[in-house]
Amino acid sequence: MKSTELRDLSVAELVAKEKEMAEELFTMKLRHGLNQLNNPLSIRKARRALARIKTKLAERRREQAL
């Protein structure tokens, strides 16, 4: 998910997306350990997408605190 797409989401949607991506990353890591993951680089992409979501969520929460 791109940063421009995250910009349009609300805080509640970002929290839901964060949870979804964390679950997806967990599943990918589990499948990778069992040698069932076709593309191991998808773990890197998911991890970075989760980091983008967490960063945008932290920015939004800081804005709301002010």
Protein backbone atom coordinates (compact mmCIF):
# COMPACT_ATOMS: atom_id res chain seq x y z
CA MET A 1 0.00 0.00 0.00
CA LYS A 2 1.37 3.37 -1.00
CA SER A 3 1.69 6.42 1.22
CA THR A 4 -0.73 8.34 -0.97
CA GLU A 5 -3.39 5.70 -0.37
CA LEU A 6 -2.80 5.84 3.38
CA ARG A 7 -3.25 9.59 3.42
CA ASP A 8 -6.95 9.23 2.63
CA LEU A 9 -7.71 6.71 5.41
CA SER A 10 -9.11 7.62 8.82
CA VAL A 11 -7.48 6.59 12.10
CA ALA A 12 -9.95 3.73 12.56
CA GLU A 13 -9.25 2.46 9.05
CA LEU A 14 -5.51 2.69 9.67
CA VAL A 15 -5.84 0.66 12.87
CA ALA A 16 -7.84 -2.00 11.01
CA LYS A 17 -5.30 -2.04 8.17
CA GLU A 18 -2.44 -2.34 10.70
CA LYS A 19 -4.06 -5.38 12.29
CA GLU A 20 -4.73 -6.93 8.90
CA MET A 21 -1.14 -6.44 7.73
CA ALA A 22 0.29 -7.79 11.00
CA GLU A 23 -1.78 -10.96 10.62
CA GLU A 24 -0.75 -11.29 6.99
CA LEU A 25 2.93 -10.87 7.89
CA PHE A 26 2.62 -13.50 10.62
CA THR A 27 1.06 -15.93 8.15
CA MET A 28 3.80 -15.26 5.61
CA LYS A 29 6.53 -15.90 8.17
CA LEU A 30 4.85 -19.13 9.23
CA ARG A 31 4.51 -20.33 5.65
CA HIS A 32 8.13 -19.34 4.96
CA GLY A 33 9.28 -21.48 7.86
CA LEU A 34 7.39 -24.43 6.41
CA ASN A 35 8.85 -23.78 2.93
CA GLN A 36 5.40 -23.10 1.49
CA LEU A 37 5.94 -19.47 0.55
CA ASN A 38 6.51 -18.97 -3.18
CA ASN A 39 8.10 -15.53 -2.96
CA PRO A 40 10.15 -14.83 0.20
CA LEU A 41 10.55 -11.19 -0.85
CA SER A 42 6.85 -10.70 -0.18
CA ILE A 43 7.75 -10.77 3.53
CA ARG A 44 9.94 -7.70 3.03
CA LYS A 45 7.19 -5.89 1.14
CA ALA A 46 4.63 -6.70 3.83
CA ARG A 47 6.99 -5.61 6.61
CA ARG A 48 7.64 -2.28 4.91
CA ALA A 49 3.94 -1.74 4.22
CA LEU A 50 3.21 -2.37 7.90
CA ALA A 51 5.90 0.16 8.85
CA ARG A 52 4.34 2.75 6.53
CA ILE A 53 0.94 2.18 8.12
CA LYS A 54 2.36 2.49 11.64
CA THR A 55 4.20 5.68 10.72
CA LYS A 56 1.10 7.29 9.23
CA LEU A 57 -0.95 6.19 12.25
CA ALA A 58 1.56 7.78 14.64
CA GLU A 59 1.47 11.01 12.62
CA ARG A 60 -2.32 11.11 12.78
CA ARG A 61 -2.35 10.48 16.52
CA ARG A 62 0.18 13.28 17.05
CA GLU A 63 -1.99 15.64 14.99
CA GLN A 64 -5.06 14.76 17.06
CA ALA A 65 -3.16 15.35 20.31
CA LEU A 66 -2.47 18.95 19.32
